[in-house]
PDB file of N, CA and C in Angstrom:
ATOM      1  N   MET A   1    -157.033 -41.615  -9.082  1.00  0.00           N
ATOM      2  CA  MET A   1    -155.900 -40.731  -8.532  1.00  0.00           C
ATOM      3  C   MET A   1    -156.474 -39.905  -7.445  1.00  0.00           C
ATOM      4  N   SER A   2    -157.625 -40.361  -6.811  1.00  0.00           N
ATOM      5  CA  SER A   2    -158.118 -39.446  -5.807  1.00  0.00           C
ATOM      6  C   SER A   2    -157.260 -39.309  -4.547  1.00  0.00           C
ATOM      7  N   ASP A   3    -156.410 -40.419  -4.393  1.00  0.00           N
ATOM      8  CA  ASP A   3    -155.541 -40.423  -3.168  1.00  0.00           C
ATOM      9  C   ASP A   3    -154.356 -39.553  -3.377  1.00  0.00           C
ATOM     10  N   THR A   4    -154.024 -39.135  -4.490  1.00  0.00           N
ATOM     11  CA  THR A   4    -152.954 -38.180  -4.844  1.00  0.00           C
ATOM     12  C   THR A   4    -153.486 -36.837  -5.247  1.00  0.00           C
ATOM     13  N   ALA A   5    -152.695 -35.878  -4.650  1.00  0.00           N
ATOM     14  CA  ALA A   5    -153.090 -34.474  -5.000  1.00  0.00           C
ATOM     15  C   ALA A   5    -151.763 -33.705  -5.455  1.00  0.00           C
ATOM     16  N   ILE A   6    -151.786 -33.032  -6.613  1.00  0.00           N
ATOM     17  CA  ILE A   6    -150.876 -32.399  -7.130  1.00  0.00           C
ATOM     18  C   ILE A   6    -151.205 -30.918  -7.625  1.00  0.00           C
ATOM     19  N   GLU A   7    -150.362 -29.895  -7.150  1.00  0.00           N
ATOM     20  CA  GLU A   7    -150.848 -28.589  -7.449  1.00  0.00           C
ATOM     21  C   GLU A   7    -150.736 -28.048  -8.970  1.00  0.00           C
ATOM     22  N   ARG A   8    -149.890 -28.755  -9.519  1.00  0.00           N
ATOM     23  CA  ARG A   8    -149.591 -28.228 -11.106  1.00  0.00           C
ATOM     24  C   ARG A   8    -148.784 -29.127 -11.834  1.00  0.00           C
ATOM     25  N   THR A   9    -149.308 -29.508 -13.087  1.00  0.00           N
ATOM     26  CA  THR A   9    -148.327 -30.258 -13.925  1.00  0.00           C
ATOM     27  C   THR A   9    -148.507 -29.600 -15.369  1.00  0.00           C
ATOM     28  N   THR A  10    -147.412 -29.785 -16.142  1.00  0.00           N
ATOM     29  CA  THR A  10    -147.452 -29.099 -17.378  1.00  0.00           C
ATOM     30  C   THR A  10    -146.937 -30.226 -18.412  1.00  0.00           C
ATOM     31  N   ALA A  11    -147.419 -30.081 -19.643  1.00  0.00           N
ATOM     32  CA  ALA A  11    -147.052 -31.043 -20.671  1.00  0.00           C
ATOM     33  C   ALA A  11    -146.415 -30.163 -21.759  1.00  0.00           C
ATOM     34  N   ASN A  12    -145.303 -30.509 -22.348  1.00  0.00           N
ATOM     35  CA  ASN A  12    -144.622 -29.915 -23.359  1.00  0.00           C
ATOM     36  C   ASN A  12    -144.419 -30.782 -24.509  1.00  0.00           C
ATOM     37  N   PRO A  13    -145.258 -30.718 -25.689  1.00  0.00           N
ATOM     38  CA  PRO A  13    -145.248 -31.728 -26.552  1.00  0.00           C
ATOM     39  C   PRO A  13    -143.790 -31.539 -27.369  1.00  0.00           C
ATOM     40  N   LYS A  14    -143.202 -30.425 -27.596  1.00  0.00           N
ATOM     41  CA  LYS A  14    -141.954 -30.266 -28.138  1.00  0.00           C
ATOM     42  C   LYS A  14    -141.001 -31.027 -27.352  1.00  0.00           C
ATOM     43  N   ALA A  15    -140.832 -30.758 -26.132  1.00  0.00           N
ATOM     44  CA  ALA A  15    -139.922 -31.521 -25.277  1.00  0.00           C
ATOM     45  C   ALA A  15    -140.074 -33.008 -25.404  1.00  0.00           C
ATOM     46  N   GLU A  16    -141.236 -33.568 -25.277  1.00  0.00           N
ATOM     47  CA  GLU A  16    -141.624 -34.921 -25.531  1.00  0.00           C
ATOM     48  C   GLU A  16    -141.030 -35.377 -26.739  1.00  0.00           C
ATOM     49  N   LYS A  17    -141.375 -34.744 -27.838  1.00  0.00           N
ATOM     50  CA  LYS A  17    -140.898 -34.987 -29.191  1.00  0.00           C
ATOM     51  C   LYS A  17    -139.363 -35.173 -29.300  1.00  0.00           C
ATOM     52  N   TRP A  18    -138.659 -34.236 -28.767  1.00  0.00           N
ATOM     53  CA  TRP A  18    -137.061 -34.309 -28.613  1.00  0.00           C
ATOM     54  C   TRP A  18    -136.754 -35.502 -27.836  1.00  0.00           C
ATOM     55  N   ALA A  19    -137.517 -35.812 -26.645  1.00  0.00           N
ATOM     56  CA  ALA A  19    -136.971 -36.897 -25.974  1.00  0.00           C
ATOM     57  C   ALA A  19    -137.128 -38.077 -26.505  1.00  0.00           C
ATOM     58  N   GLU A  20    -138.261 -38.307 -27.562  1.00  0.00           N
ATOM     59  CA  GLU A  20    -138.341 -39.468 -28.304  1.00  0.00           C
ATOM     60  C   GLU A  20    -137.304 -39.513 -29.269  1.00  0.00           C
ATOM     61  N   ARG A  21    -136.754 -38.351 -29.856  1.00  0.00           N
ATOM     62  CA  ARG A  21    -135.757 -38.516 -31.052  1.00  0.00           C
ATOM     63  C   ARG A  21    -134.502 -38.794 -30.226  1.00  0.00           C
ATOM     64  N   ILE A  22    -134.093 -38.317 -29.083  1.00  0.00           N
ATOM     65  CA  ILE A  22    -132.910 -38.553 -28.404  1.00  0.00           C
ATOM     66  C   ILE A  22    -132.833 -40.031 -28.108  1.00  0.00           C
ATOM     67  N   ALA A  23    -134.026 -40.577 -27.422  1.00  0.00           N
ATOM     68  CA  ALA A  23    -133.928 -41.986 -27.216  1.00  0.00           C
ATOM     69  C   ALA A  23    -133.854 -42.874 -28.505  1.00  0.00           C
ATOM     70  N   ALA A  24    -134.356 -42.361 -29.530  1.00  0.00           N
ATOM     71  CA  ALA A  24    -134.360 -43.297 -30.708  1.00  0.00           C
ATOM     72  C   ALA A  24    -132.936 -43.240 -31.347  1.00  0.00           C
ATOM     73  N   GLN A  25    -132.169 -42.052 -31.158  1.00  0.00           N
ATOM     74  CA  GLN A  25    -130.821 -42.111 -31.588  1.00  0.00           C
ATOM     75  C   GLN A  25    -129.982 -43.006 -30.718  1.00  0.00           C
ATOM     76  N   GLN A  26    -130.182 -42.918 -29.452  1.00  0.00           N
ATOM     77  CA  GLN A  26    -129.475 -43.908 -28.483  1.00  0.00           C
ATOM     78  C   GLN A  26    -129.717 -45.420 -28.822  1.00  0.00           C
ATOM     79  N   ARG A  27    -130.894 -45.720 -29.046  1.00  0.00           N
ATOM     80  CA  ARG A  27    -131.301 -47.056 -29.488  1.00  0.00           C
ATOM     81  C   ARG A  27    -130.781 -47.464 -30.758  1.00  0.00           C
ATOM     82  N   SER A  28    -130.480 -46.615 -31.705  1.00  0.00           N
ATOM     83  CA  SER A  28    -129.946 -46.875 -33.175  1.00  0.00           C
ATOM     84  C   SER A  28    -128.599 -47.230 -33.064  1.00  0.00           C
ATOM     85  N   GLY A  29    -127.862 -46.810 -32.211  1.00  0.00           N
ATOM     86  CA  GLY A  29    -126.317 -47.300 -32.246  1.00  0.00           C
ATOM     87  C   GLY A  29    -125.654 -46.366 -33.185  1.00  0.00           C
ATOM     88  N   ILE A  30    -126.192 -45.549 -33.970  1.00  0.00           N
ATOM     89  CA  ILE A  30    -125.469 -44.644 -34.857  1.00  0.00           C
ATOM     90  C   ILE A  30    -125.006 -43.381 -34.167  1.00  0.00           C
ATOM     91  N   SER A  31    -124.071 -42.765 -34.760  1.00  0.00           N
ATOM     92  CA  SER A  31    -123.740 -41.388 -34.286  1.00  0.00           C
ATOM     93  C   SER A  31    -124.860 -40.375 -34.303  1.00  0.00           C
ATOM     94  N   VAL A  32    -124.690 -39.309 -33.389  1.00  0.00           N
ATOM     95  CA  VAL A  32    -125.555 -38.252 -33.569  1.00  0.00           C
ATOM     96  C   VAL A  32    -125.468 -37.506 -34.860  1.00  0.00           C
ATOM     97  N   LYS A  33    -124.471 -37.413 -35.480  1.00  0.00           N
ATOM     98  CA  LYS A  33    -124.211 -36.660 -36.682  1.00  0.00           C
ATOM     99  C   LYS A  33    -125.015 -37.474 -37.829  1.00  0.00           C
ATOM    100  N   GLN A  34    -124.744 -38.728 -37.820  1.00  0.00           N
ATOM    101  CA  GLN A  34    -125.457 -39.712 -38.876  1.00  0.00           C
ATOM    102  C   GLN A  34    -127.008 -39.546 -38.671  1.00  0.00           C
ATOM    103  N   PHE A  35    -127.406 -39.650 -37.334  1.00  0.00           N
ATOM    104  CA  PHE A  35    -128.835 -39.638 -36.983  1.00  0.00           C
ATOM    105  C   PHE A  35    -129.507 -38.494 -37.393  1.00  0.00           C
ATOM    106  N   CYS A  36    -128.926 -37.341 -37.071  1.00  0.00           N
ATOM    107  CA  CYS A  36    -129.371 -35.987 -37.468  1.00  0.00           C
ATOM    108  C   CYS A  36    -129.600 -35.782 -39.132  1.00  0.00           C
ATOM    109  N   LYS A  37    -128.519 -36.318 -39.710  1.00  0.00           N
ATOM    110  CA  LYS A  37    -128.368 -36.238 -41.110  1.00  0.00           C
ATOM    111  C   LYS A  37    -129.771 -37.023 -41.702  1.00  0.00           C
ATOM    112  N   GLU A  38    -129.933 -38.312 -41.202  1.00  0.00           N
ATOM    113  CA  GLU A  38    -131.067 -39.136 -41.730  1.00  0.00           C
ATOM    114  C   GLU A  38    -132.385 -38.556 -41.405  1.00  0.00           C
ATOM    115  N   HIS A  39    -132.496 -37.781 -40.361  1.00  0.00           N
ATOM    116  CA  HIS A  39    -133.660 -37.282 -39.839  1.00  0.00           C
ATOM    117  C   HIS A  39    -133.875 -35.852 -40.048  1.00  0.00           C
ATOM    118  N   GLU A  40    -132.947 -35.305 -40.852  1.00  0.00           N
ATOM    119  CA  GLU A  40    -132.867 -33.937 -41.167  1.00  0.00           C
ATOM    120  C   GLU A  40    -133.139 -32.923 -39.954  1.00  0.00           C
ATOM    121  N   LEU A  41    -132.274 -33.110 -38.965  1.00  0.00           N
ATOM    122  CA  LEU A  41    -132.189 -32.282 -37.853  1.00  0.00           C
ATOM    123  C   LEU A  41    -130.786 -31.735 -37.768  1.00  0.00           C
ATOM    124  N   THR A  42    -130.746 -30.521 -37.065  1.00  0.00           N
ATOM    125  CA  THR A  42    -129.350 -29.920 -36.913  1.00  0.00           C
ATOM    126  C   THR A  42    -128.686 -30.585 -35.769  1.00  0.00           C
ATOM    127  N   GLU A  43    -127.416 -30.683 -35.794  1.00  0.00           N
ATOM    128  CA  GLU A  43    -126.716 -31.277 -34.562  1.00  0.00           C
ATOM    129  C   GLU A  43    -126.865 -30.309 -33.422  1.00  0.00           C
ATOM    130  N   TYR A  44    -126.766 -29.060 -33.706  1.00  0.00           N
ATOM    131  CA  TYR A  44    -126.917 -28.036 -32.751  1.00  0.00           C
ATOM    132  C   TYR A  44    -128.296 -28.244 -31.943  1.00  0.00           C
ATOM    133  N   SER A  45    -129.395 -28.298 -32.630  1.00  0.00           N
ATOM    134  CA  SER A  45    -130.624 -28.546 -32.012  1.00  0.00           C
ATOM    135  C   SER A  45    -130.642 -29.742 -31.168  1.00  0.00           C
ATOM    136  N   PHE A  46    -130.163 -30.902 -31.700  1.00  0.00           N
ATOM    137  CA  PHE A  46    -130.072 -31.965 -31.116  1.00  0.00           C
ATOM    138  C   PHE A  46    -129.388 -32.068 -29.671  1.00  0.00           C
ATOM    139  N   TYR A  47    -128.187 -31.536 -29.724  1.00  0.00           N
ATOM    140  CA  TYR A  47    -127.407 -31.303 -28.454  1.00  0.00           C
ATOM    141  C   TYR A  47    -128.000 -30.363 -27.545  1.00  0.00           C
ATOM    142  N   ALA A  48    -128.556 -29.260 -27.961  1.00  0.00           N
ATOM    143  CA  ALA A  48    -129.147 -28.235 -27.079  1.00  0.00           C
ATOM    144  C   ALA A  48    -130.333 -28.880 -26.442  1.00  0.00           C
ATOM    145  N   TRP A  49    -131.201 -29.592 -27.088  1.00  0.00           N
ATOM    146  CA  TRP A  49    -132.277 -30.356 -26.465  1.00  0.00           C
ATOM    147  C   TRP A  49    -131.851 -31.512 -25.439  1.00  0.00           C
ATOM    148  N   ARG A  50    -130.959 -32.146 -25.774  1.00  0.00           N
ATOM    149  CA  ARG A  50    -130.241 -33.192 -25.029  1.00  0.00           C
ATOM    150  C   ARG A  50    -129.907 -32.690 -23.654  1.00  0.00           C
ATOM    151  N   LYS A  51    -129.241 -31.486 -23.719  1.00  0.00           N
ATOM    152  CA  LYS A  51    -128.672 -30.744 -22.582  1.00  0.00           C
ATOM    153  C   LYS A  51    -129.944 -30.435 -21.777  1.00  0.00           C
ATOM    154  N   ARG A  52    -130.950 -29.678 -22.328  1.00  0.00           N
ATOM    155  CA  ARG A  52    -132.215 -29.053 -21.733  1.00  0.00           C
ATOM    156  C   ARG A  52    -132.827 -30.261 -20.879  1.00  0.00           C
ATOM    157  N   LEU A  53    -132.987 -31.444 -21.627  1.00  0.00           N
ATOM    158  CA  LEU A  53    -133.766 -32.498 -21.038  1.00  0.00           C
ATOM    159  C   LEU A  53    -133.016 -33.067 -20.111  1.00  0.00           C
ATOM    160  N   ARG A  54    -131.668 -33.209 -19.915  1.00  0.00           N
ATOM    161  CA  ARG A  54    -131.025 -33.936 -19.066  1.00  0.00           C
ATOM    162  C   ARG A  54    -131.049 -32.910 -17.610  1.00  0.00           C
ATOM    163  N   GLU A  55    -131.000 -31.616 -17.900  1.00  0.00           N
ATOM    164  CA  GLU A  55    -131.210 -30.588 -16.730  1.00  0.00           C
ATOM    165  C   GLU A  55    -132.530 -30.911 -16.012  1.00  0.00           C
ATOM    166  N   LYS A  56    -133.547 -31.069 -16.819  1.00  0.00           N
ATOM    167  CA  LYS A  56    -134.971 -31.220 -16.256  1.00  0.00           C
ATOM    168  C   LYS A  56    -135.177 -32.596 -15.704  1.00  0.00           C
ATOM    169  N   GLU A  57    -134.241 -33.487 -16.154  1.00  0.00           N
ATOM    170  CA  GLU A  57    -134.457 -34.948 -15.715  1.00  0.00           C
ATOM    171  C   GLU A  57    -133.963 -34.906 -14.129  1.00  0.00           C
ATOM    172  N   SER A  58    -133.082 -34.245 -13.906  1.00  0.00           N
ATOM    173  CA  SER A  58    -132.524 -34.478 -12.396  1.00  0.00           C
ATOM    174  C   SER A  58    -133.407 -33.909 -11.484  1.00  0.00           C
ATOM    175  N   VAL A  59    -134.212 -34.577 -10.946  1.00  0.00           N
ATOM    176  CA  VAL A  59    -135.249 -34.087  -9.855  1.00  0.00           C
ATOM    177  C   VAL A  59    -134.428 -34.348  -8.455  1.00  0.00           C
ATOM    178  N   ARG A  60    -134.251 -33.206  -7.780  1.00  0.00           N
ATOM    179  CA  ARG A  60    -133.532 -33.370  -6.559  1.00  0.00           C
ATOM    180  C   ARG A  60    -134.505 -33.090  -5.449  1.00  0.00           C
ATOM    181  N   PHE A  61    -134.468 -33.972  -4.356  1.00  0.00           N
ATOM    182  CA  PHE A  61    -135.224 -33.921  -3.218  1.00  0.00           C
ATOM    183  C   PHE A  61    -134.429 -33.505  -2.116  1.00  0.00           C
ATOM    184  N   ALA A  62    -135.036 -32.679  -1.206  1.00  0.00           N
ATOM    185  CA  ALA A  62    -134.076 -32.460   0.010  1.00  0.00           C
ATOM    186  C   ALA A  62    -134.912 -32.381   1.252  1.00  0.00           C
ATOM    187  N   LEU A  63    -134.283 -32.392   2.506  1.00  0.00           N
ATOM    188  CA  LEU A  63    -134.914 -32.211   3.720  1.00  0.00           C
ATOM    189  C   LEU A  63    -136.066 -33.188   3.816  1.00  0.00           C
ATOM    190  N   VAL A  64    -135.777 -34.338   4.345  1.00  0.00           N
ATOM    191  CA  VAL A  64    -136.856 -35.274   4.573  1.00  0.00           C
ATOM    192  C   VAL A  64    -136.899 -35.400   6.019  1.00  0.00           C
ATOM    193  N   GLU A  65    -138.124 -35.073   6.672  1.00  0.00           N
ATOM    194  CA  GLU A  65    -138.294 -34.903   8.086  1.00  0.00           C
ATOM    195  C   GLU A  65    -139.342 -36.111   8.459  1.00  0.00           C
ATOM    196  N   ARG A  66    -139.020 -36.788   9.421  1.00  0.00           N
ATOM    197  CA  ARG A  66    -139.954 -37.696   9.920  1.00  0.00           C
ATOM    198  C   ARG A  66    -140.347 -37.361  11.194  1.00  0.00           C
ATOM    199  N   ARG A  67    -141.627 -37.051  11.452  1.00  0.00           N
ATOM    200  CA  ARG A  67    -142.218 -36.650  12.696  1.00  0.00           C
ATOM    201  C   ARG A  67    -143.110 -37.705  13.389  1.00  0.00           C
ATOM    202  N   ALA A  68    -143.411 -37.654  14.591  1.00  0.00           N
ATOM    203  CA  ALA A  68    -144.424 -38.453  15.204  1.00  0.00           C
ATOM    204  C   ALA A  68    -145.623 -38.132  14.915  1.00  0.00           C
ATOM    205  N   SER A  69    -145.973 -36.899  14.836  1.00  0.00           N
ATOM    206  CA  SER A  69    -147.305 -36.428  14.484  1.00  0.00           C
ATOM    207  C   SER A  69    -147.276 -35.676  13.207  1.00  0.00           C
ATOM    208  N   ARG A  70    -148.253 -35.786  12.370  1.00  0.00           N
ATOM    209  CA  ARG A  70    -148.338 -35.220  11.027  1.00  0.00           C
ATOM    210  C   ARG A  70    -149.282 -34.206  11.155  1.00  0.00           C
ATOM    211  N   GLN A  71    -149.154 -33.006  11.936  1.00  0.00           N
ATOM    212  CA  GLN A  71    -150.132 -31.993  11.978  1.00  0.00           C
ATOM    213  C   GLN A  71    -150.089 -31.130  10.772  1.00  0.00           C
ATOM    214  N   GLY A  72    -151.273 -30.785  10.316  1.00  0.00           N
ATOM    215  CA  GLY A  72    -151.504 -29.941   9.017  1.00  0.00           C
ATOM    216  C   GLY A  72    -151.813 -30.892   7.949  1.00  0.00           C
ATOM    217  N   LEU A  73    -151.534 -32.227   7.711  1.00  0.00           N
ATOM    218  CA  LEU A  73    -151.767 -33.014   6.736  1.00  0.00           C
ATOM    219  C   LEU A  73    -152.908 -33.688   6.807  1.00  0.00           C
ATOM    220  N   PRO A  74    -153.698 -33.945   5.648  1.00  0.00           N
ATOM    221  CA  PRO A  74    -154.822 -34.955   5.795  1.00  0.00           C
ATOM    222  C   PRO A  74    -154.607 -36.299   6.395  1.00  0.00           C
ATOM    223  N   ALA A  75    -155.327 -36.832   7.177  1.00  0.00           N
ATOM    224  CA  ALA A  75    -155.147 -38.070   7.988  1.00  0.00           C
ATOM    225  C   ALA A  75    -154.634 -39.119   6.941  1.00  0.00           C
ATOM    226  N   GLU A  76    -155.268 -39.247   5.725  1.00  0.00           N
ATOM    227  CA  GLU A  76    -154.828 -40.288   5.027  1.00  0.00           C
ATOM    228  C   GLU A  76    -153.494 -40.100   4.036  1.00  0.00           C
ATOM    229  N   THR A  77    -152.926 -38.847   4.150  1.00  0.00           N
ATOM    230  CA  THR A  77    -151.762 -38.675   3.620  1.00  0.00           C
ATOM    231  C   THR A  77    -150.499 -39.546   4.152  1.00  0.00           C
ATOM    232  N   VAL A  78    -149.812 -40.302   3.466  1.00  0.00           N
ATOM    233  CA  VAL A  78    -148.576 -41.083   3.919  1.00  0.00           C
ATOM    234  C   VAL A  78    -147.500 -40.380   3.810  1.00  0.00           C
ATOM    235  N   LEU A  79    -147.311 -39.604   2.585  1.00  0.00           N
ATOM    236  CA  LEU A  79    -146.031 -39.105   2.165  1.00  0.00           C
ATOM    237  C   LEU A  79    -146.204 -37.816   1.399  1.00  0.00           C
ATOM    238  N   GLU A  80    -145.487 -36.925   1.780  1.00  0.00           N
ATOM    239  CA  GLU A  80    -145.527 -35.530   1.068  1.00  0.00           C
ATOM    240  C   GLU A  80    -144.177 -35.123   0.622  1.00  0.00           C
ATOM    241  N   LEU A  81    -144.208 -34.915  -0.740  1.00  0.00           N
ATOM    242  CA  LEU A  81    -143.002 -34.409  -1.431  1.00  0.00           C
ATOM    243  C   LEU A  81    -143.191 -32.896  -1.653  1.00  0.00           C
ATOM    244  N   VAL A  82    -141.994 -32.123  -1.125  1.00  0.00           N
ATOM    245  CA  VAL A  82    -142.036 -30.713  -1.481  1.00  0.00           C
ATOM    246  C   VAL A  82    -141.013 -30.479  -2.545  1.00  0.00           C
ATOM    247  N   LEU A  83    -141.289 -29.899  -3.700  1.00  0.00           N
ATOM    248  CA  LEU A  83    -140.529 -29.816  -4.745  1.00  0.00           C
ATOM    249  C   LEU A  83    -139.865 -28.439  -4.669  1.00  0.00           C
ATOM    250  N   THR A  84    -138.557 -28.291  -5.140  1.00  0.00           N
ATOM    251  CA  THR A  84    -137.836 -27.095  -5.147  1.00  0.00           C
ATOM    252  C   THR A  84    -138.611 -25.880  -5.534  1.00  0.00           C
ATOM    253  N   THR A  85    -139.702 -26.087  -6.522  1.00  0.00           N
ATOM    254  CA  THR A  85    -140.503 -24.934  -6.883  1.00  0.00           C
ATOM    255  C   THR A  85    -141.597 -24.389  -5.774  1.00  0.00           C
ATOM    256  N   GLY A  86    -141.654 -25.304  -4.784  1.00  0.00           N
ATOM    257  CA  GLY A  86    -142.439 -25.115  -3.577  1.00  0.00           C
ATOM    258  C   GLY A  86    -143.823 -25.788  -3.742  1.00  0.00           C
ATOM    259  N   GLU A  87    -143.979 -26.484  -4.835  1.00  0.00           N
ATOM    260  CA  GLU A  87    -145.364 -27.408  -5.091  1.00  0.00           C
ATOM    261  C   GLU A  87    -145.066 -28.507  -4.232  1.00  0.00           C
ATOM    262  N   ARG A  88    -146.273 -29.103  -3.677  1.00  0.00           N
ATOM    263  CA  ARG A  88    -146.389 -30.240  -2.940  1.00  0.00           C
ATOM    264  C   ARG A  88    -147.128 -31.283  -3.480  1.00  0.00           C
ATOM    265  N   LEU A  89    -146.540 -32.474  -3.456  1.00  0.00           N
ATOM    266  CA  LEU A  89    -147.232 -33.772  -3.988  1.00  0.00           C
ATOM    267  C   LEU A  89    -147.639 -34.581  -2.605  1.00  0.00           C
ATOM    268  N   ARG A  90    -148.923 -34.776  -2.426  1.00  0.00           N
ATOM    269  CA  ARG A  90    -149.415 -35.533  -1.293  1.00  0.00           C
ATOM    270  C   ARG A  90    -149.769 -36.970  -1.856  1.00  0.00           C
ATOM    271  N   ILE A  91    -149.219 -37.981  -1.306  1.00  0.00           N
ATOM    272  CA  ILE A  91    -149.305 -39.312  -1.854  1.00  0.00           C
ATOM    273  C   ILE A  91    -150.296 -40.136  -0.546  1.00  0.00           C
ATOM    274  N   GLY A  92    -151.426 -40.562  -0.842  1.00  0.00           N
ATOM    275  CA  GLY A  92    -152.190 -41.351   0.035  1.00  0.00           C
ATOM    276  C   GLY A  92    -151.884 -42.794   0.046  1.00  0.00           C
ATOM    277  N   THR A  93    -152.531 -43.421   1.077  1.00  0.00           N
ATOM    278  CA  THR A  93    -152.306 -44.949   1.206  1.00  0.00           C
ATOM    279  C   THR A  93    -152.785 -45.847   0.105  1.00  0.00           C
ATOM    280  N   GLY A  94    -153.855 -45.319  -0.671  1.00  0.00           N
ATOM    281  CA  GLY A  94    -154.324 -46.061  -1.723  1.00  0.00           C
ATOM    282  C   GLY A  94    -153.798 -46.026  -3.175  1.00  0.00           C
ATOM    283  N   VAL A  95    -152.731 -45.108  -3.309  1.00  0.00           N
ATOM    284  CA  VAL A  95    -152.347 -44.961  -4.681  1.00  0.00           C
ATOM    285  C   VAL A  95    -151.464 -46.185  -5.117  1.00  0.00           C
ATOM    286  N   ASP A  96    -151.573 -46.554  -6.291  1.00  0.00           N
ATOM    287  CA  ASP A  96    -150.924 -47.673  -6.850  1.00  0.00           C
ATOM    288  C   ASP A  96    -149.497 -47.185  -7.542  1.00  0.00           C
ATOM    289  N   GLY A  97    -148.820 -48.070  -7.553  1.00  0.00           N
ATOM    290  CA  GLY A  97    -147.329 -47.808  -8.130  1.00  0.00           C
ATOM    291  C   GLY A  97    -147.353 -47.338  -9.649  1.00  0.00           C
ATOM    292  N   VAL A  98    -148.120 -47.791 -10.336  1.00  0.00           N
ATOM    293  CA  VAL A  98    -148.327 -47.255 -11.846  1.00  0.00           C
ATOM    294  C   VAL A  98    -148.665 -45.862 -11.856  1.00  0.00           C
ATOM    295  N   THR A  99    -149.717 -45.543 -10.958  1.00  0.00           N
ATOM    296  CA  THR A  99    -150.078 -44.089 -10.974  1.00  0.00           C
ATOM    297  C   THR A  99    -148.965 -43.172 -10.428  1.00  0.00           C
ATOM    298  N   LEU A 100    -148.354 -43.639  -9.387  1.00  0.00           N
ATOM    299  CA  LEU A 100    -147.447 -42.875  -8.796  1.00  0.00           C
ATOM    300  C   LEU A 100    -146.115 -42.655  -9.879  1.00  0.00           C
ATOM    301  N   ARG A 101    -145.747 -43.740 -10.583  1.00  0.00           N
ATOM    302  CA  ARG A 101    -144.710 -43.524 -11.712  1.00  0.00           C
ATOM    303  C   ARG A 101    -145.131 -42.590 -12.557  1.00  0.00           C
ATOM    304  N   ALA A 102    -146.377 -42.584 -13.086  1.00  0.00           N
ATOM    305  CA  ALA A 102    -146.802 -41.664 -14.077  1.00  0.00           C
ATOM    306  C   ALA A 102    -146.897 -40.231 -13.525  1.00  0.00           C
ATOM    307  N   VAL A 103    -147.212 -40.019 -12.442  1.00  0.00           N
ATOM    308  CA  VAL A 103    -147.107 -38.719 -11.806  1.00  0.00           C
ATOM    309  C   VAL A 103    -145.637 -38.185 -11.717  1.00  0.00           C
ATOM    310  N   LEU A 104    -144.703 -39.091 -11.315  1.00  0.00           N
ATOM    311  CA  LEU A 104    -143.158 -38.555 -11.153  1.00  0.00           C
ATOM    312  C   LEU A 104    -142.777 -38.346 -12.583  1.00  0.00           C
ATOM    313  N   GLU A 105    -143.126 -39.100 -13.512  1.00  0.00           N
ATOM    314  CA  GLU A 105    -142.712 -38.971 -14.922  1.00  0.00           C
ATOM    315  C   GLU A 105    -143.253 -37.632 -15.430  1.00  0.00           C
ATOM    316  N   ALA A 106    -144.445 -37.346 -15.032  1.00  0.00           N
ATOM    317  CA  ALA A 106    -144.851 -35.859 -15.588  1.00  0.00           C
ATOM    318  C   ALA A 106    -144.312 -34.827 -14.904  1.00  0.00           C
ATOM    319  N   LEU A 107    -143.798 -35.128 -13.656  1.00  0.00           N
ATOM    320  CA  LEU A 107    -143.144 -33.905 -12.982  1.00  0.00           C
ATOM    321  C   LEU A 107    -141.546 -33.814 -13.675  1.00  0.00           C
ATOM    322  N   ARG A 108    -141.057 -34.682 -14.134  1.00  0.00           N
ATOM    323  CA  ARG A 108    -139.658 -34.699 -14.838  1.00  0.00           C
ATOM    324  C   ARG A 108    -139.845 -34.026 -16.104  1.00  0.00           C
ATOM    325  N   ALA A 109    -141.075 -34.027 -16.712  1.00  0.00           N
ATOM    326  CA  ALA A 109    -141.299 -33.413 -18.248  1.00  0.00           C
ATOM    327  C   ALA A 109    -141.238 -31.967 -18.291  1.00  0.00           C
TER     328      ALA A 109
END
């Protein structure tokens, strides 16, 4: 990942656990009520986490500028994403698709 620089990532084990639970419920084909009963969860918590995770899921990008010269960026930077938080993700020419997907998933978490 030397070709990719990111200023900050955070991991939230609780959110990851709830994302797993929500995905399991969707795969199960049973109702939320039944799933919560079987897994000893409250429906309130299930719906609250589902809403929270959906809100975080939507990553929005804005203002894409294409310039002839890329002044201020390292020469090997091909793409720079500026997140709504002000953080910047610089992606170099040598980054592979698997690594890039992993970084983008981490940003969504």
